[in-house]
Amino acid sequence: MAPVTGSVAVDNVEPMRTHRDRRVSRPVIVGAVVLTLLATAGCGDDNGAGAPTPPSPSTTVTTPSDIATTNVVPSDPSVPVYRPPYIDHVAWAQTEVGPSLQVYPTTSGRHTTDPAAMNVAWAEVVALDASAESPGMRAQFDCHWRFARIVDPEKASWNLEPERPVVDEQEMISARCNPGFAEEH
């Protein structure tokens, strides 16, 4: 096969719609076809000797299917994957500060980095005990999820008290997730 020579001139080409409703200009498609032809055409003598010349990095064309495969990170069996359930169980206890819902996270709940996991874990708490559903209890839970897991990841339980006041996030953090009065022991 003879090498492809010459250039392709494209003027006043309107963009076309793809099946995903993305706008792709015809010059990009024509350029991709030309690059493919150049890459597959043999360089060298007429016997087919010689290696094809790969396109330079500045002419690399990325397609939607390339994006889907290049962003895939191979799974590493040495990296643990933390999936639900995030909460093992909950139990009410009477403490020196009054009733306390003790939330016992699973290993996944203690170590996941999934940004959606906090909401999933709260839904698990409410499914285990619907009386937990209150703004103050949710705020205490969120604080424990965001901070207690980092400060003390092996703490046996995260204790949520319905008697604690509802406060803004800054005050919740300042109180170490225990607004209104000291942490029970």
N, C-alpha and C. Protein backbone atom coordinates (compact mmCIF):
# COMPACT_ATOMS: atom_id res chain seq x y z
N MET A 1 0.85 -1.17 0.00
CA MET A 1 0.00 0.00 0.00
C MET A 1 0.90 1.23 0.00
N ALA A 2 0.56 2.19 -0.79
CA ALA A 2 1.35 3.41 -0.89
C ALA A 2 1.01 4.32 0.28
N PRO A 3 2.01 5.07 0.76
CA PRO A 3 1.72 6.00 1.86
C PRO A 3 0.73 7.07 1.44
N VAL A 4 -0.05 7.55 2.38
CA VAL A 4 -1.02 8.60 2.13
C VAL A 4 -0.26 9.91 2.11
N THR A 5 -0.48 10.71 1.08
CA THR A 5 0.20 12.00 0.97
C THR A 5 -0.83 13.09 0.78
N GLY A 6 -0.39 14.32 0.93
CA GLY A 6 -1.28 15.45 0.72
C GLY A 6 -1.92 15.87 2.03
N SER A 7 -2.83 16.81 1.94
CA SER A 7 -3.50 17.30 3.14
C SER A 7 -4.99 17.35 2.88
N VAL A 8 -5.72 17.38 3.94
CA VAL A 8 -7.17 17.44 3.84
C VAL A 8 -7.58 18.83 4.28
N ALA A 9 -8.25 19.56 3.41
CA ALA A 9 -8.72 20.90 3.76
C ALA A 9 -10.21 20.83 4.00
N VAL A 10 -10.64 21.36 5.10
CA VAL A 10 -12.06 21.34 5.42
C VAL A 10 -12.44 22.76 5.83
N ASP A 11 -13.32 23.37 5.02
CA ASP A 11 -13.77 24.73 5.32
C ASP A 11 -15.28 24.72 5.53
N ASN A 12 -15.72 25.60 6.39
CA ASN A 12 -17.15 25.79 6.62
C ASN A 12 -17.89 24.49 6.88
N VAL A 13 -17.34 23.67 7.73
CA VAL A 13 -17.97 22.40 8.06
C VAL A 13 -18.83 22.61 9.30
N GLU A 14 -20.08 22.21 9.20
CA GLU A 14 -20.95 22.32 10.37
C GLU A 14 -20.73 21.12 11.28
N PRO A 15 -20.83 21.35 12.59
CA PRO A 15 -20.71 20.23 13.52
C PRO A 15 -21.85 19.26 13.31
N MET A 16 -21.59 18.00 13.57
CA MET A 16 -22.65 17.00 13.47
C MET A 16 -22.98 16.49 14.87
N ARG A 17 -24.11 15.95 15.05
CA ARG A 17 -24.54 15.41 16.34
C ARG A 17 -24.18 13.93 16.39
N THR A 18 -23.67 13.51 17.55
CA THR A 18 -23.38 12.10 17.73
C THR A 18 -24.54 11.46 18.46
N HIS A 19 -24.49 10.15 18.66
CA HIS A 19 -25.56 9.44 19.35
C HIS A 19 -25.70 9.88 20.80
N ARG A 20 -24.68 10.49 21.36
CA ARG A 20 -24.77 10.97 22.74
C ARG A 20 -25.07 12.46 22.79
N ASP A 21 -25.48 13.03 21.65
CA ASP A 21 -25.85 14.43 21.55
C ASP A 21 -24.68 15.35 21.87
N ARG A 22 -23.48 14.89 21.64
CA ARG A 22 -22.30 15.75 21.80
C ARG A 22 -21.99 16.33 20.43
N ARG A 23 -21.45 17.50 20.42
CA ARG A 23 -21.08 18.13 19.16
C ARG A 23 -19.63 17.78 18.85
N VAL A 24 -19.42 17.17 17.71
CA VAL A 24 -18.08 16.81 17.27
C VAL A 24 -17.90 17.40 15.88
N SER A 25 -16.85 18.14 15.67
CA SER A 25 -16.65 18.75 14.35
C SER A 25 -16.11 17.73 13.38
N ARG A 26 -16.49 17.89 12.14
CA ARG A 26 -16.05 16.95 11.11
C ARG A 26 -14.53 16.97 10.94
N PRO A 27 -13.85 18.13 11.12
CA PRO A 27 -12.38 18.09 10.99
C PRO A 27 -11.75 17.12 11.99
N VAL A 28 -12.30 17.02 13.18
CA VAL A 28 -11.74 16.08 14.16
C VAL A 28 -11.93 14.66 13.68
N ILE A 29 -13.11 14.35 13.14
CA ILE A 29 -13.36 13.00 12.64
C ILE A 29 -12.48 12.71 11.44
N VAL A 30 -12.40 13.65 10.50
CA VAL A 30 -11.54 13.47 9.32
C VAL A 30 -10.09 13.30 9.78
N GLY A 31 -9.66 14.11 10.75
CA GLY A 31 -8.30 14.00 11.27
C GLY A 31 -8.05 12.64 11.88
N ALA A 32 -9.04 12.09 12.60
CA ALA A 32 -8.89 10.77 13.21
C ALA A 32 -8.77 9.70 12.14
N VAL A 33 -9.56 9.82 11.06
CA VAL A 33 -9.48 8.84 9.97
C VAL A 33 -8.11 8.93 9.30
N VAL A 34 -7.64 10.16 9.04
CA VAL A 34 -6.33 10.34 8.41
C VAL A 34 -5.23 9.76 9.30
N LEU A 35 -5.30 10.02 10.61
CA LEU A 35 -4.30 9.47 11.53
C LEU A 35 -4.32 7.95 11.52
N THR A 36 -5.51 7.38 11.47
CA THR A 36 -5.63 5.93 11.43
C THR A 36 -5.01 5.38 10.16
N LEU A 37 -5.28 6.03 9.03
CA LEU A 37 -4.69 5.58 7.77
C LEU A 37 -3.18 5.71 7.79
N LEU A 38 -2.68 6.82 8.33
CA LEU A 38 -1.23 7.01 8.41
C LEU A 38 -0.59 5.97 9.32
N ALA A 39 -1.25 5.66 10.41
CA ALA A 39 -0.69 4.70 11.36
C ALA A 39 -0.68 3.29 10.80
N THR A 40 -1.67 2.96 9.97
CA THR A 40 -1.74 1.59 9.45
C THR A 40 -1.01 1.44 8.13
N ALA A 41 -0.71 2.54 7.42
CA ALA A 41 0.03 2.45 6.15
C ALA A 41 1.48 2.15 6.45
N GLY A 42 2.05 1.21 5.75
CA GLY A 42 3.44 0.86 5.98
C GLY A 42 4.37 1.98 5.54
N CYS A 43 5.41 2.21 6.31
CA CYS A 43 6.43 3.17 5.94
C CYS A 43 7.66 2.38 5.58
N GLY A 44 8.31 2.76 4.53
CA GLY A 44 9.50 2.02 4.12
C GLY A 44 9.40 1.69 2.65
N ASP A 45 10.02 0.58 2.26
CA ASP A 45 10.00 0.24 0.84
C ASP A 45 8.70 -0.44 0.45
N ASP A 46 8.54 -0.73 -0.84
CA ASP A 46 7.31 -1.31 -1.35
C ASP A 46 7.09 -2.74 -0.89
N ASN A 47 8.08 -3.41 -0.27
CA ASN A 47 7.90 -4.78 0.21
C ASN A 47 7.13 -4.81 1.53
N GLY A 48 6.83 -3.65 2.05
CA GLY A 48 6.15 -3.60 3.34
C GLY A 48 7.13 -3.59 4.49
N ALA A 49 8.44 -3.48 4.19
CA ALA A 49 9.42 -3.45 5.27
C ALA A 49 9.35 -2.10 5.96
N GLY A 50 9.74 -2.05 7.17
CA GLY A 50 9.70 -0.81 7.95
C GLY A 50 8.51 -0.82 8.88
N ALA A 51 8.62 -0.05 9.91
CA ALA A 51 7.55 -0.01 10.91
C ALA A 51 6.68 1.21 10.71
N PRO A 52 5.40 1.09 11.02
CA PRO A 52 4.55 2.26 10.93
C PRO A 52 4.98 3.31 11.94
N THR A 53 4.78 4.56 11.57
CA THR A 53 5.13 5.65 12.47
C THR A 53 3.91 6.01 13.30
N PRO A 54 4.03 5.94 14.63
CA PRO A 54 2.87 6.29 15.45
C PRO A 54 2.62 7.78 15.39
N PRO A 55 1.38 8.20 15.59
CA PRO A 55 1.09 9.63 15.58
C PRO A 55 1.79 10.30 16.75
N SER A 56 2.13 11.58 16.57
CA SER A 56 2.78 12.31 17.65
C SER A 56 1.75 12.61 18.74
N PRO A 57 2.21 12.84 19.99
CA PRO A 57 1.26 13.12 21.07
C PRO A 57 0.34 14.29 20.79
N SER A 58 0.80 15.26 20.01
CA SER A 58 -0.04 16.42 19.74
C SER A 58 -1.19 16.09 18.80
N THR A 59 -1.15 14.93 18.13
CA THR A 59 -2.22 14.58 17.21
C THR A 59 -3.06 13.41 17.73
N THR A 60 -2.89 13.04 18.96
CA THR A 60 -3.66 11.94 19.51
C THR A 60 -5.12 12.36 19.65
N VAL A 61 -6.01 11.52 19.20
CA VAL A 61 -7.43 11.79 19.28
C VAL A 61 -8.03 10.88 20.34
N THR A 62 -8.78 11.46 21.26
CA THR A 62 -9.43 10.68 22.31
C THR A 62 -10.91 10.60 22.01
N THR A 63 -11.43 9.40 22.00
CA THR A 63 -12.85 9.19 21.75
C THR A 63 -13.55 8.90 23.07
N PRO A 64 -14.88 8.99 23.11
CA PRO A 64 -15.59 8.65 24.35
C PRO A 64 -15.27 7.25 24.85
N SER A 65 -15.07 6.29 23.94
CA SER A 65 -14.75 4.95 24.42
C SER A 65 -13.34 4.89 25.00
N ASP A 66 -12.41 5.72 24.49
CA ASP A 66 -11.08 5.80 25.08
C ASP A 66 -11.16 6.35 26.49
N ILE A 67 -11.97 7.37 26.68
CA ILE A 67 -12.10 7.98 28.00
C ILE A 67 -12.62 6.95 28.99
N ALA A 68 -13.61 6.18 28.57
CA ALA A 68 -14.19 5.19 29.47
C ALA A 68 -13.16 4.16 29.90
N THR A 69 -12.23 3.80 29.01
CA THR A 69 -11.26 2.77 29.38
C THR A 69 -10.01 3.34 30.02
N THR A 70 -9.64 4.60 29.71
CA THR A 70 -8.42 5.13 30.29
C THR A 70 -8.60 5.58 31.72
N ASN A 71 -9.82 5.83 32.16
CA ASN A 71 -10.05 6.24 33.53
C ASN A 71 -10.27 5.07 34.47
N VAL A 72 -10.23 3.87 33.96
CA VAL A 72 -10.44 2.70 34.80
C VAL A 72 -9.14 2.38 35.52
N VAL A 73 -9.21 2.31 36.83
CA VAL A 73 -8.04 1.97 37.63
C VAL A 73 -8.12 0.49 37.93
N PRO A 74 -7.08 -0.25 37.61
CA PRO A 74 -7.14 -1.68 37.89
C PRO A 74 -7.29 -1.91 39.39
N SER A 75 -8.07 -2.91 39.72
CA SER A 75 -8.26 -3.17 41.15
C SER A 75 -6.97 -3.74 41.73
N ASP A 76 -6.68 -3.29 42.92
CA ASP A 76 -5.48 -3.72 43.62
C ASP A 76 -5.93 -4.57 44.79
N PRO A 77 -5.68 -5.86 44.77
CA PRO A 77 -6.16 -6.72 45.84
C PRO A 77 -5.58 -6.38 47.21
N SER A 78 -4.51 -5.60 47.25
CA SER A 78 -3.93 -5.25 48.55
C SER A 78 -4.65 -4.05 49.17
N VAL A 79 -5.50 -3.35 48.41
CA VAL A 79 -6.24 -2.21 48.93
C VAL A 79 -7.63 -2.71 49.32
N PRO A 80 -7.99 -2.59 50.60
CA PRO A 80 -9.31 -3.08 51.01
C PRO A 80 -10.44 -2.21 50.45
N VAL A 81 -11.56 -2.84 50.18
CA VAL A 81 -12.74 -2.15 49.70
C VAL A 81 -13.76 -2.20 50.83
N TYR A 82 -14.25 -1.03 51.23
CA TYR A 82 -15.19 -0.94 52.34
C TYR A 82 -16.59 -0.65 51.80
N ARG A 83 -17.47 -1.63 51.95
CA ARG A 83 -18.83 -1.53 51.44
C ARG A 83 -19.82 -1.66 52.60
N PRO A 84 -21.07 -1.24 52.39
CA PRO A 84 -22.09 -1.41 53.42
C PRO A 84 -22.25 -2.90 53.79
N PRO A 85 -22.71 -3.18 54.96
CA PRO A 85 -23.24 -2.23 55.92
C PRO A 85 -22.12 -1.49 56.64
N TYR A 86 -22.44 -0.23 57.02
CA TYR A 86 -21.50 0.61 57.74
C TYR A 86 -21.80 0.61 59.25
N ILE A 87 -23.01 0.21 59.61
CA ILE A 87 -23.40 0.18 61.01
C ILE A 87 -23.73 -1.26 61.39
N ASP A 88 -23.08 -1.74 62.45
CA ASP A 88 -23.32 -3.10 62.92
C ASP A 88 -24.63 -3.18 63.70
N HIS A 89 -24.75 -2.31 64.70
CA HIS A 89 -25.98 -2.28 65.50
C HIS A 89 -26.02 -0.99 66.30
N VAL A 90 -27.18 -0.72 66.88
CA VAL A 90 -27.36 0.42 67.78
C VAL A 90 -28.00 -0.11 69.06
N ALA A 91 -27.76 0.61 70.16
CA ALA A 91 -28.36 0.22 71.44
C ALA A 91 -28.55 1.45 72.30
N TRP A 92 -29.67 1.53 72.97
CA TRP A 92 -29.91 2.62 73.90
C TRP A 92 -29.27 2.27 75.23
N ALA A 93 -28.67 3.28 75.85
CA ALA A 93 -28.07 3.11 77.18
C ALA A 93 -28.43 4.32 78.03
N GLN A 94 -28.55 4.10 79.32
CA GLN A 94 -28.77 5.21 80.24
C GLN A 94 -27.39 5.59 80.76
N THR A 95 -26.99 6.84 80.54
CA THR A 95 -25.67 7.32 80.96
C THR A 95 -25.84 8.45 81.95
N GLU A 96 -24.73 8.95 82.46
CA GLU A 96 -24.77 10.06 83.41
C GLU A 96 -25.36 11.34 82.81
N VAL A 97 -25.42 11.43 81.48
CA VAL A 97 -26.02 12.59 80.82
C VAL A 97 -27.42 12.30 80.29
N GLY A 98 -27.95 11.14 80.57
CA GLY A 98 -29.28 10.78 80.11
C GLY A 98 -29.24 9.67 79.08
N PRO A 99 -30.35 9.47 78.36
CA PRO A 99 -30.38 8.41 77.36
C PRO A 99 -29.40 8.69 76.22
N SER A 100 -28.79 7.63 75.73
CA SER A 100 -27.79 7.76 74.68
C SER A 100 -27.95 6.61 73.70
N LEU A 101 -28.06 6.95 72.42
CA LEU A 101 -28.10 5.92 71.39
C LEU A 101 -26.67 5.62 71.01
N GLN A 102 -26.23 4.44 71.31
CA GLN A 102 -24.86 4.04 71.00
C GLN A 102 -24.85 3.35 69.64
N VAL A 103 -24.10 3.96 68.73
CA VAL A 103 -24.02 3.49 67.35
C VAL A 103 -22.69 2.75 67.19
N TYR A 104 -22.77 1.48 66.79
CA TYR A 104 -21.58 0.64 66.64
C TYR A 104 -21.27 0.45 65.15
N PRO A 105 -20.25 1.14 64.66
CA PRO A 105 -19.91 1.01 63.24
C PRO A 105 -19.20 -0.31 62.94
N THR A 106 -19.33 -0.76 61.71
CA THR A 106 -18.58 -1.92 61.23
C THR A 106 -17.17 -1.46 60.85
N THR A 107 -16.33 -2.38 60.49
CA THR A 107 -15.00 -2.02 59.98
C THR A 107 -15.14 -1.14 58.75
N SER A 108 -16.08 -1.46 57.88
CA SER A 108 -16.32 -0.62 56.70
C SER A 108 -16.72 0.78 57.11
N GLY A 109 -17.59 0.89 58.11
CA GLY A 109 -18.03 2.20 58.59
C GLY A 109 -16.90 3.01 59.19
N ARG A 110 -15.95 2.34 59.77
CA ARG A 110 -14.81 3.04 60.38
C ARG A 110 -13.79 3.52 59.34
N HIS A 111 -13.72 2.84 58.21
CA HIS A 111 -12.60 3.11 57.30
C HIS A 111 -12.96 3.51 55.87
N THR A 112 -14.22 3.50 55.50
CA THR A 112 -14.57 3.85 54.13
C THR A 112 -14.21 5.31 53.82
N THR A 113 -13.89 5.55 52.57
CA THR A 113 -13.65 6.92 52.10
C THR A 113 -14.68 7.32 51.04
N ASP A 114 -15.68 6.49 50.84
CA ASP A 114 -16.73 6.78 49.87
C ASP A 114 -17.51 8.01 50.32
N PRO A 115 -17.57 9.06 49.49
CA PRO A 115 -18.25 10.28 49.89
C PRO A 115 -19.75 10.09 50.15
N ALA A 116 -20.36 9.09 49.56
CA ALA A 116 -21.79 8.85 49.76
C ALA A 116 -22.07 8.00 51.00
N ALA A 117 -21.05 7.46 51.61
CA ALA A 117 -21.23 6.50 52.70
C ALA A 117 -21.88 7.10 53.94
N MET A 118 -21.64 8.36 54.24
CA MET A 118 -22.22 8.95 55.45
C MET A 118 -23.75 8.90 55.39
N ASN A 119 -24.34 9.25 54.26
CA ASN A 119 -25.80 9.21 54.13
C ASN A 119 -26.32 7.79 54.18
N VAL A 120 -25.60 6.87 53.59
CA VAL A 120 -25.99 5.46 53.64
C VAL A 120 -25.95 4.96 55.08
N ALA A 121 -24.89 5.32 55.80
CA ALA A 121 -24.75 4.89 57.19
C ALA A 121 -25.86 5.47 58.05
N TRP A 122 -26.20 6.75 57.86
CA TRP A 122 -27.29 7.34 58.64
C TRP A 122 -28.61 6.62 58.35
N ALA A 123 -28.86 6.29 57.10
CA ALA A 123 -30.07 5.54 56.75
C ALA A 123 -30.08 4.18 57.47
N GLU A 124 -28.91 3.57 57.62
CA GLU A 124 -28.83 2.31 58.36
C GLU A 124 -29.18 2.52 59.84
N VAL A 125 -28.70 3.62 60.43
CA VAL A 125 -29.02 3.93 61.83
C VAL A 125 -30.53 4.07 61.99
N VAL A 126 -31.15 4.86 61.13
CA VAL A 126 -32.59 5.10 61.22
C VAL A 126 -33.38 3.81 60.97
N ALA A 127 -32.88 2.98 60.07
CA ALA A 127 -33.55 1.69 59.84
C ALA A 127 -33.47 0.80 61.08
N LEU A 128 -32.38 0.90 61.82
CA LEU A 128 -32.22 0.10 63.04
C LEU A 128 -33.03 0.68 64.21
N ASP A 129 -33.20 2.01 64.25
CA ASP A 129 -33.98 2.65 65.30
C ASP A 129 -34.52 3.98 64.78
N ALA A 130 -35.80 3.97 64.40
CA ALA A 130 -36.43 5.15 63.79
C ALA A 130 -36.44 6.36 64.71
N SER A 131 -36.35 6.15 66.03
CA SER A 131 -36.38 7.28 66.95
C SER A 131 -35.12 8.14 66.85
N ALA A 132 -34.11 7.67 66.14
CA ALA A 132 -32.88 8.46 65.96
C ALA A 132 -33.11 9.64 65.02
N GLU A 133 -34.17 9.58 64.24
CA GLU A 133 -34.42 10.60 63.22
C GLU A 133 -34.81 11.94 63.83
N SER A 134 -33.79 12.75 64.12
CA SER A 134 -34.01 14.12 64.60
C SER A 134 -32.80 14.95 64.18
N PRO A 135 -33.00 16.27 63.99
CA PRO A 135 -31.88 17.10 63.54
C PRO A 135 -30.65 17.04 64.45
N GLY A 136 -30.85 17.07 65.75
CA GLY A 136 -29.72 17.05 66.67
C GLY A 136 -28.96 15.73 66.63
N MET A 137 -29.70 14.63 66.54
CA MET A 137 -29.04 13.32 66.48
C MET A 137 -28.28 13.18 65.16
N ARG A 138 -28.88 13.65 64.06
CA ARG A 138 -28.20 13.57 62.76
C ARG A 138 -26.93 14.40 62.78
N ALA A 139 -26.99 15.59 63.36
CA ALA A 139 -25.81 16.46 63.42
C ALA A 139 -24.69 15.80 64.24
N GLN A 140 -25.04 15.17 65.35
CA GLN A 140 -24.03 14.47 66.16
C GLN A 140 -23.43 13.31 65.37
N PHE A 141 -24.29 12.57 64.66
CA PHE A 141 -23.81 11.45 63.86
C PHE A 141 -22.84 11.94 62.78
N ASP A 142 -23.25 13.00 62.05
CA ASP A 142 -22.39 13.54 60.99
C ASP A 142 -21.03 13.96 61.54
N CYS A 143 -21.05 14.58 62.71
CA CYS A 143 -19.79 15.01 63.34
C CYS A 143 -18.92 13.79 63.67
N HIS A 144 -19.53 12.78 64.24
CA HIS A 144 -18.76 11.56 64.54
C HIS A 144 -18.22 10.94 63.25
N TRP A 145 -19.06 10.89 62.22
CA TRP A 145 -18.65 10.30 60.95
C TRP A 145 -17.45 11.05 60.37
N ARG A 146 -17.51 12.37 60.37
CA ARG A 146 -16.44 13.17 59.75
C ARG A 146 -15.18 13.24 60.60
N PHE A 147 -15.32 13.29 61.94
CA PHE A 147 -14.16 13.59 62.76
C PHE A 147 -13.77 12.47 63.73
N ALA A 148 -14.72 11.87 64.40
CA ALA A 148 -14.37 10.83 65.38
C ALA A 148 -13.70 9.64 64.71
N ARG A 149 -14.10 9.34 63.50
CA ARG A 149 -13.47 8.23 62.78
C ARG A 149 -11.99 8.50 62.55
N ILE A 150 -11.62 9.78 62.43
CA ILE A 150 -10.21 10.13 62.20
C ILE A 150 -9.45 10.18 63.52
N VAL A 151 -10.06 10.84 64.51
CA VAL A 151 -9.39 11.04 65.80
C VAL A 151 -9.27 9.73 66.57
N ASP A 152 -10.35 8.94 66.58
CA ASP A 152 -10.36 7.70 67.36
C ASP A 152 -11.10 6.62 66.57
N PRO A 153 -10.47 6.09 65.51
CA PRO A 153 -11.17 5.16 64.62
C PRO A 153 -11.62 3.86 65.30
N GLU A 154 -11.03 3.51 66.41
CA GLU A 154 -11.42 2.26 67.07
C GLU A 154 -12.33 2.47 68.27
N LYS A 155 -12.85 3.69 68.44
CA LYS A 155 -13.79 3.95 69.53
C LYS A 155 -14.95 2.96 69.40
N ALA A 156 -15.31 2.33 70.50
CA ALA A 156 -16.31 1.26 70.47
C ALA A 156 -17.64 1.72 69.87
N SER A 157 -18.14 2.88 70.30
CA SER A 157 -19.41 3.36 69.77
C SER A 157 -19.40 4.87 69.66
N TRP A 158 -20.27 5.35 68.82
CA TRP A 158 -20.50 6.78 68.69
C TRP A 158 -21.81 7.03 69.42
N ASN A 159 -21.78 7.86 70.44
CA ASN A 159 -22.93 8.03 71.30
C ASN A 159 -23.68 9.31 70.96
N LEU A 160 -24.96 9.16 70.66
CA LEU A 160 -25.80 10.27 70.25
C LEU A 160 -26.87 10.48 71.31
N GLU A 161 -26.96 11.71 71.82
CA GLU A 161 -27.92 12.00 72.88
C GLU A 161 -29.01 12.94 72.38
N PRO A 162 -30.26 12.55 72.53
CA PRO A 162 -31.36 13.40 72.07
C PRO A 162 -31.50 14.68 72.89
N GLU A 163 -30.94 14.73 74.08
CA GLU A 163 -31.05 15.92 74.94
C GLU A 163 -30.05 17.01 74.56
N ARG A 164 -29.10 16.71 73.71
CA ARG A 164 -28.11 17.73 73.33
C ARG A 164 -28.78 18.78 72.44
N PRO A 165 -28.35 20.04 72.57
CA PRO A 165 -28.96 21.10 71.75
C PRO A 165 -28.54 20.99 70.28
N VAL A 166 -29.39 21.51 69.42
CA VAL A 166 -29.07 21.59 67.99
C VAL A 166 -28.23 22.85 67.82
N VAL A 167 -27.03 22.69 67.27
CA VAL A 167 -26.10 23.80 67.10
C VAL A 167 -25.58 23.82 65.67
N ASP A 168 -24.93 24.91 65.29
CA ASP A 168 -24.34 24.96 63.94
C ASP A 168 -23.09 24.07 63.90
N GLU A 169 -22.63 23.85 62.69
CA GLU A 169 -21.51 22.91 62.49
C GLU A 169 -20.25 23.34 63.23
N GLN A 170 -19.95 24.63 63.22
CA GLN A 170 -18.73 25.11 63.89
C GLN A 170 -18.78 24.83 65.39
N GLU A 171 -19.95 25.09 66.00
CA GLU A 171 -20.09 24.83 67.43
C GLU A 171 -20.03 23.33 67.71
N MET A 172 -20.60 22.53 66.81
CA MET A 172 -20.56 21.06 66.96
C MET A 172 -19.11 20.58 66.95
N ILE A 173 -18.31 21.11 66.04
CA ILE A 173 -16.90 20.71 65.94
C ILE A 173 -16.15 21.17 67.18
N SER A 174 -16.40 22.41 67.62
CA SER A 174 -15.73 22.94 68.81
C SER A 174 -16.04 22.10 70.05
N ALA A 175 -17.25 21.56 70.10
CA ALA A 175 -17.67 20.75 71.25
C ALA A 175 -17.27 19.28 71.09
N ARG A 176 -16.49 18.99 70.08
CA ARG A 176 -16.05 17.62 69.80
C ARG A 176 -17.22 16.65 69.67
N CYS A 177 -18.24 17.10 68.96
CA CYS A 177 -19.46 16.33 68.65
C CYS A 177 -20.37 16.17 69.86
N ASN A 178 -20.11 16.89 70.94
CA ASN A 178 -20.90 16.78 72.17
C ASN A 178 -21.35 18.15 72.65
N PRO A 179 -22.26 18.82 71.91
CA PRO A 179 -22.66 20.17 72.30
C PRO A 179 -23.53 20.17 73.58
N GLY A 180 -23.43 21.24 74.30
CA GLY A 180 -24.32 21.42 75.46
C GLY A 180 -23.76 20.95 76.77
N PHE A 181 -23.11 19.82 76.79
CA PHE A 181 -22.54 19.29 78.01
C PHE A 181 -21.49 18.25 77.67
N ALA A 182 -20.70 17.88 78.64
CA ALA A 182 -19.54 17.01 78.42
C ALA A 182 -19.95 15.63 77.89
N GLU A 183 -19.00 14.99 77.24
CA GLU A 183 -19.20 13.64 76.73
C GLU A 183 -19.41 12.69 77.91
N GLU A 184 -20.36 11.78 77.74
CA GLU A 184 -20.59 10.78 78.78
C GLU A 184 -19.48 9.75 78.77
N HIS A 185 -19.30 9.09 79.88
CA HIS A 185 -18.25 8.06 79.97
C HIS A 185 -18.83 6.76 80.40
